[in-house]
C-alpha atoms as a PDB file:
ATOM      1  CA  UNK A   1      31.459  10.866 -10.556  1.00  0.00           C
ATOM      2  CA  UNK A   2      31.530   7.309  -9.317  1.00  0.00           C
ATOM      3  CA  UNK A   3      30.725   3.995 -10.925  1.00  0.00           C
ATOM      4  CA  UNK A   4      30.517   0.605  -9.297  1.00  0.00           C
ATOM      5  CA  UNK A   5      31.181  -1.896 -12.068  1.00  0.00           C
ATOM      6  CA  UNK A   6      30.190  -5.530 -11.702  1.00  0.00           C
ATOM      7  CA  UNK A   7      31.120  -8.061 -14.369  1.00  0.00           C
ATOM      8  CA  UNK A   8      28.030 -10.182 -14.985  1.00  0.00           C
ATOM      9  CA  UNK A   9      26.916 -13.155 -17.014  1.00  0.00           C
ATOM     10  CA  UNK A  10      23.368 -11.741 -16.960  1.00  0.00           C
ATOM     11  CA  UNK A  11      21.351  -8.990 -15.303  1.00  0.00           C
ATOM     12  CA  UNK A  12      17.967  -7.319 -15.401  1.00  0.00           C
ATOM     13  CA  UNK A  13      16.071  -4.507 -13.747  1.00  0.00           C
ATOM     14  CA  UNK A  14      12.376  -4.501 -12.902  1.00  0.00           C
ATOM     15  CA  UNK A  15      10.108  -1.539 -12.199  1.00  0.00           C
ATOM     16  CA  UNK A  16       6.669  -2.377 -10.802  1.00  0.00           C
ATOM     17  CA  UNK A  17       7.259  -6.041 -11.659  1.00  0.00           C
ATOM     18  CA  UNK A  18       8.064  -5.343 -15.328  1.00  0.00           C
ATOM     19  CA  UNK A  19      11.486  -5.880 -16.918  1.00  0.00           C
ATOM     20  CA  UNK A  20      12.664  -2.515 -18.236  1.00  0.00           C
ATOM     21  CA  UNK A  21      16.263  -3.483 -19.022  1.00  0.00           C
ATOM     22  CA  UNK A  22      18.175  -6.736 -19.401  1.00  0.00           C
ATOM     23  CA  UNK A  23      21.583  -7.858 -20.630  1.00  0.00           C
ATOM     24  CA  UNK A  24      23.613 -11.016 -20.934  1.00  0.00           C
ATOM     25  CA  UNK A  25      27.420 -10.864 -20.642  1.00  0.00           C
ATOM     26  CA  UNK A  26      28.742  -7.461 -19.653  1.00  0.00           C
ATOM     27  CA  UNK A  27      28.636  -4.966 -16.805  1.00  0.00           C
ATOM     28  CA  UNK A  28      26.093  -3.706 -14.345  1.00  0.00           C
ATOM     29  CA  UNK A  29      27.210  -0.123 -13.759  1.00  0.00           C
ATOM     30  CA  UNK A  30      25.830   1.804 -10.797  1.00  0.00           C
ATOM     31  CA  UNK A  31      26.392   5.485 -11.618  1.00  0.00           C
ATOM     32  CA  UNK A  32      26.562   8.252  -9.014  1.00  0.00           C
ATOM     33  CA  UNK A  33      26.940  11.940  -9.846  1.00  0.00           C
ATOM     34  CA  UNK A  34      28.497  14.438  -7.423  1.00  0.00           C
ATOM     35  CA  UNK A  35      27.076  17.930  -7.022  1.00  0.00           C
ATOM     36  CA  UNK A  36      30.278  19.498  -8.335  1.00  0.00           C
ATOM     37  CA  UNK A  37      31.084  17.105 -11.197  1.00  0.00           C
ATOM     38  CA  UNK A  38      32.408  18.586 -14.427  1.00  0.00           C
ATOM     39  CA  UNK A  39      32.476  17.366 -18.024  1.00  0.00           C
ATOM     40  CA  UNK A  40      35.946  15.904 -17.413  1.00  0.00           C
ATOM     41  CA  UNK A  41      34.507  13.632 -14.703  1.00  0.00           C
ATOM     42  CA  UNK A  42      31.849  12.339 -17.078  1.00  0.00           C
ATOM     43  CA  UNK A  43      34.323  11.715 -19.908  1.00  0.00           C
ATOM     44  CA  UNK A  44      36.709   9.898 -17.598  1.00  0.00           C
ATOM     45  CA  UNK A  45      34.011   7.559 -16.284  1.00  0.00           C
ATOM     46  CA  UNK A  46      32.693   6.818 -19.780  1.00  0.00           C
ATOM     47  CA  UNK A  47      36.149   6.012 -21.158  1.00  0.00           C
ATOM     48  CA  UNK A  48      37.437   4.147 -18.109  1.00  0.00           C
ATOM     49  CA  UNK A  49      34.407   1.874 -17.749  1.00  0.00           C
ATOM     50  CA  UNK A  50      34.186   1.137 -21.475  1.00  0.00           C
ATOM     51  CA  UNK A  51      37.891   0.349 -21.624  1.00  0.00           C
ATOM     52  CA  UNK A  52      38.223  -1.877 -18.564  1.00  0.00           C
ATOM     53  CA  UNK A  53      40.015  -5.083 -19.520  1.00  0.00           C
ATOM     54  CA  UNK A  54      38.448  -7.529 -17.097  1.00  0.00           C
ATOM     55  CA  UNK A  55      37.240 -10.347 -19.333  1.00  0.00           C
ATOM     56  CA  UNK A  56      39.382 -13.457 -19.758  1.00  0.00           C
ATOM     57  CA  UNK A  57      41.395 -14.051 -22.907  1.00  0.00           C
ATOM     58  CA  UNK A  58      42.301 -17.487 -24.319  1.00  0.00           C
ATOM     59  CA  UNK A  59      44.957 -17.854 -21.592  1.00  0.00           C
ATOM     60  CA  UNK A  60      42.485 -17.148 -18.792  1.00  0.00           C
ATOM     61  CA  UNK A  61      43.930 -13.710 -18.006  1.00  0.00           C
ATOM     62  CA  UNK A  62      41.750 -10.626 -17.518  1.00  0.00           C
ATOM     63  CA  UNK A  63      42.848  -8.924 -20.720  1.00  0.00           C
ATOM     64  CA  UNK A  64      39.765  -8.205 -22.856  1.00  0.00           C
ATOM     65  CA  UNK A  65      37.437  -5.200 -22.845  1.00  0.00           C
ATOM     66  CA  UNK A  66      33.668  -5.072 -23.063  1.00  0.00           C
ATOM     67  CA  UNK A  67      33.761  -4.337 -26.796  1.00  0.00           C
ATOM     68  CA  UNK A  68      36.177  -7.199 -27.448  1.00  0.00           C
ATOM     69  CA  UNK A  69      33.755  -9.719 -25.937  1.00  0.00           C
ATOM     70  CA  UNK A  70      30.603  -8.156 -27.412  1.00  0.00           C
ATOM     71  CA  UNK A  71      29.299  -7.265 -23.954  1.00  0.00           C
ATOM     72  CA  UNK A  72      26.597  -4.828 -22.880  1.00  0.00           C
ATOM     73  CA  UNK A  73      25.980  -2.510 -19.954  1.00  0.00           C
ATOM     74  CA  UNK A  74      23.001  -2.325 -17.644  1.00  0.00           C
ATOM     75  CA  UNK A  75      23.349   1.208 -16.218  1.00  0.00           C
ATOM     76  CA  UNK A  76      21.517   2.151 -13.032  1.00  0.00           C
ATOM     77  CA  UNK A  77      21.479   5.648 -11.541  1.00  0.00           C
ATOM     78  CA  UNK A  78      22.627   5.397  -7.925  1.00  0.00           C
ATOM     79  CA  UNK A  79      22.752   8.609  -5.876  1.00  0.00           C
ATOM     80  CA  UNK A  80      23.502   6.567  -2.758  1.00  0.00           C
ATOM     81  CA  UNK A  81      27.087   6.144  -3.999  1.00  0.00           C
ATOM     82  CA  UNK A  82      27.556   9.609  -2.499  1.00  0.00           C
ATOM     83  CA  UNK A  83      26.076   8.659   0.872  1.00  0.00           C
ATOM     84  CA  UNK A  84      28.288   9.880   3.713  1.00  0.00           C
ATOM     85  CA  UNK A  85      28.096   7.498   6.680  1.00  0.00           C
ATOM     86  CA  UNK A  86      30.753   9.093   8.883  1.00  0.00           C
ATOM     87  CA  UNK A  87      28.269  10.671  11.332  1.00  0.00           C
ATOM     88  CA  UNK A  88      25.425   8.888  13.024  1.00  0.00           C
ATOM     89  CA  UNK A  89      23.525   6.023  11.475  1.00  0.00           C
ATOM     90  CA  UNK A  90      21.634   7.739   8.688  1.00  0.00           C
ATOM     91  CA  UNK A  91      23.677   8.621   5.589  1.00  0.00           C
ATOM     92  CA  UNK A  92      23.882  12.189   4.372  1.00  0.00           C
ATOM     93  CA  UNK A  93      23.527  12.719   0.638  1.00  0.00           C
ATOM     94  CA  UNK A  94      24.691  16.337   0.497  1.00  0.00           C
ATOM     95  CA  UNK A  95      27.490  15.521  -1.941  1.00  0.00           C
ATOM     96  CA  UNK A  96      25.109  14.018  -4.523  1.00  0.00           C
ATOM     97  CA  UNK A  97      23.877  16.124  -7.423  1.00  0.00           C
ATOM     98  CA  UNK A  98      20.204  17.184  -7.137  1.00  0.00           C
ATOM     99  CA  UNK A  99      17.865  14.796  -8.991  1.00  0.00           C
ATOM    100  CA  UNK A 100      16.889  16.979 -11.973  1.00  0.00           C
ATOM    101  CA  UNK A 101      20.499  17.736 -12.884  1.00  0.00           C
ATOM    102  CA  UNK A 102      21.644  14.188 -12.068  1.00  0.00           C
ATOM    103  CA  UNK A 103      19.095  12.800 -14.530  1.00  0.00           C
ATOM    104  CA  UNK A 104      20.719  14.819 -17.335  1.00  0.00           C
ATOM    105  CA  UNK A 105      24.204  13.652 -16.332  1.00  0.00           C
ATOM    106  CA  UNK A 106      23.087  10.024 -16.160  1.00  0.00           C
ATOM    107  CA  UNK A 107      21.523  10.294 -19.614  1.00  0.00           C
ATOM    108  CA  UNK A 108      24.747  11.871 -20.909  1.00  0.00           C
ATOM    109  CA  UNK A 109      26.681   8.888 -19.507  1.00  0.00           C
ATOM    110  CA  UNK A 110      24.343   6.504 -21.336  1.00  0.00           C
ATOM    111  CA  UNK A 111      24.464   8.406 -24.649  1.00  0.00           C
ATOM    112  CA  UNK A 112      28.254   8.827 -24.620  1.00  0.00           C
ATOM    113  CA  UNK A 113      28.690   5.133 -23.885  1.00  0.00           C
ATOM    114  CA  UNK A 114      26.288   4.183 -26.691  1.00  0.00           C
ATOM    115  CA  UNK A 115      28.265   6.461 -29.017  1.00  0.00           C
ATOM    116  CA  UNK A 116      31.235   4.143 -28.415  1.00  0.00           C
ATOM    117  CA  UNK A 117      29.194   1.319 -29.957  1.00  0.00           C
ATOM    118  CA  UNK A 118      28.283  -0.345 -26.664  1.00  0.00           C
ATOM    119  CA  UNK A 119      24.721  -1.541 -26.100  1.00  0.00           C
ATOM    120  CA  UNK A 120      23.339   0.075 -22.939  1.00  0.00           C
ATOM    121  CA  UNK A 121      20.132  -0.825 -21.134  1.00  0.00           C
ATOM    122  CA  UNK A 122      18.882   1.217 -18.177  1.00  0.00           C
ATOM    123  CA  UNK A 123      16.476   1.282 -15.308  1.00  0.00           C
ATOM    124  CA  UNK A 124      14.033   4.157 -14.752  1.00  0.00           C
ATOM    125  CA  UNK A 125      15.429   7.240 -13.035  1.00  0.00           C
ATOM    126  CA  UNK A 126      13.938   8.050  -9.585  1.00  0.00           C
ATOM    127  CA  UNK A 127      11.887   4.880  -9.280  1.00  0.00           C
ATOM    128  CA  UNK A 128      12.181   1.899  -7.001  1.00  0.00           C
ATOM    129  CA  UNK A 129      14.031  -0.752  -8.992  1.00  0.00           C
ATOM    130  CA  UNK A 130      14.697  -4.423  -8.385  1.00  0.00           C
ATOM    131  CA  UNK A 131      18.075  -5.235  -9.918  1.00  0.00           C
ATOM    132  CA  UNK A 132      19.039  -8.892 -10.344  1.00  0.00           C
ATOM    133  CA  UNK A 133      22.415 -10.035 -11.528  1.00  0.00           C
ATOM    134  CA  UNK A 134      24.756 -12.959 -11.702  1.00  0.00           C
ATOM    135  CA  UNK A 135      28.164 -11.558 -10.784  1.00  0.00           C
ATOM    136  CA  UNK A 136      30.760 -13.320 -12.919  1.00  0.00           C
ATOM    137  CA  UNK A 137      33.904 -14.004 -10.932  1.00  0.00           C
ATOM    138  CA  UNK A 138      32.930 -12.168  -8.823  1.00  0.00           C
ATOM    139  CA  UNK A 139      34.513  -9.047 -10.282  1.00  0.00           C
ATOM    140  CA  UNK A 140      33.449  -5.722  -8.744  1.00  0.00           C
ATOM    141  CA  UNK A 141      35.370  -2.467  -9.224  1.00  0.00           C
ATOM    142  CA  UNK A 142      34.969   1.109  -8.057  1.00  0.00           C
ATOM    143  CA  UNK A 143      35.828   3.827 -10.586  1.00  0.00           C
ATOM    144  CA  UNK A 144      35.945   7.305  -9.069  1.00  0.00           C
ATOM    145  CA  UNK A 145      36.792  10.266 -11.287  1.00  0.00           C
ATOM    146  CA  UNK A 146      38.380  12.080  -8.330  1.00  0.00           C
ATOM    147  CA  UNK A 147      40.780   9.232  -7.656  1.00  0.00           C
ATOM    148  CA  UNK A 148      42.022   8.711 -11.196  1.00  0.00           C
ATOM    149  CA  UNK A 149      43.238  12.171 -12.198  1.00  0.00           C
END
């Protein structure tokens, strides 16, 4: 599982011109699910993203977590995180989980994160979405469950 985490001061997602999710301070999290992900991958991504200490404390150091600053998450399913661009010019998505299963995994990510007490907004799975954000910092991190074990 992979997550691209962007610290934001605000963000929203539109589907067919209508806002379906919006947050103020927090993270935009693009979530990609691999075809062979296991429960351990999901748990690691949930815990790692929720626990990232990338908000400034009183001394200006990145030392506070999302919960400590009362932040939210705008989670967006993003199968293209598993795009393989090594051959040719068109990415291959063979490593991504098929859509029906990926939808369940994405929903599990959202529910497990909400269970930690974090407010989570989402886009709409398998639709064209317009995501707008103000990247705060900028701070952008890649969390990959295969690179953290």
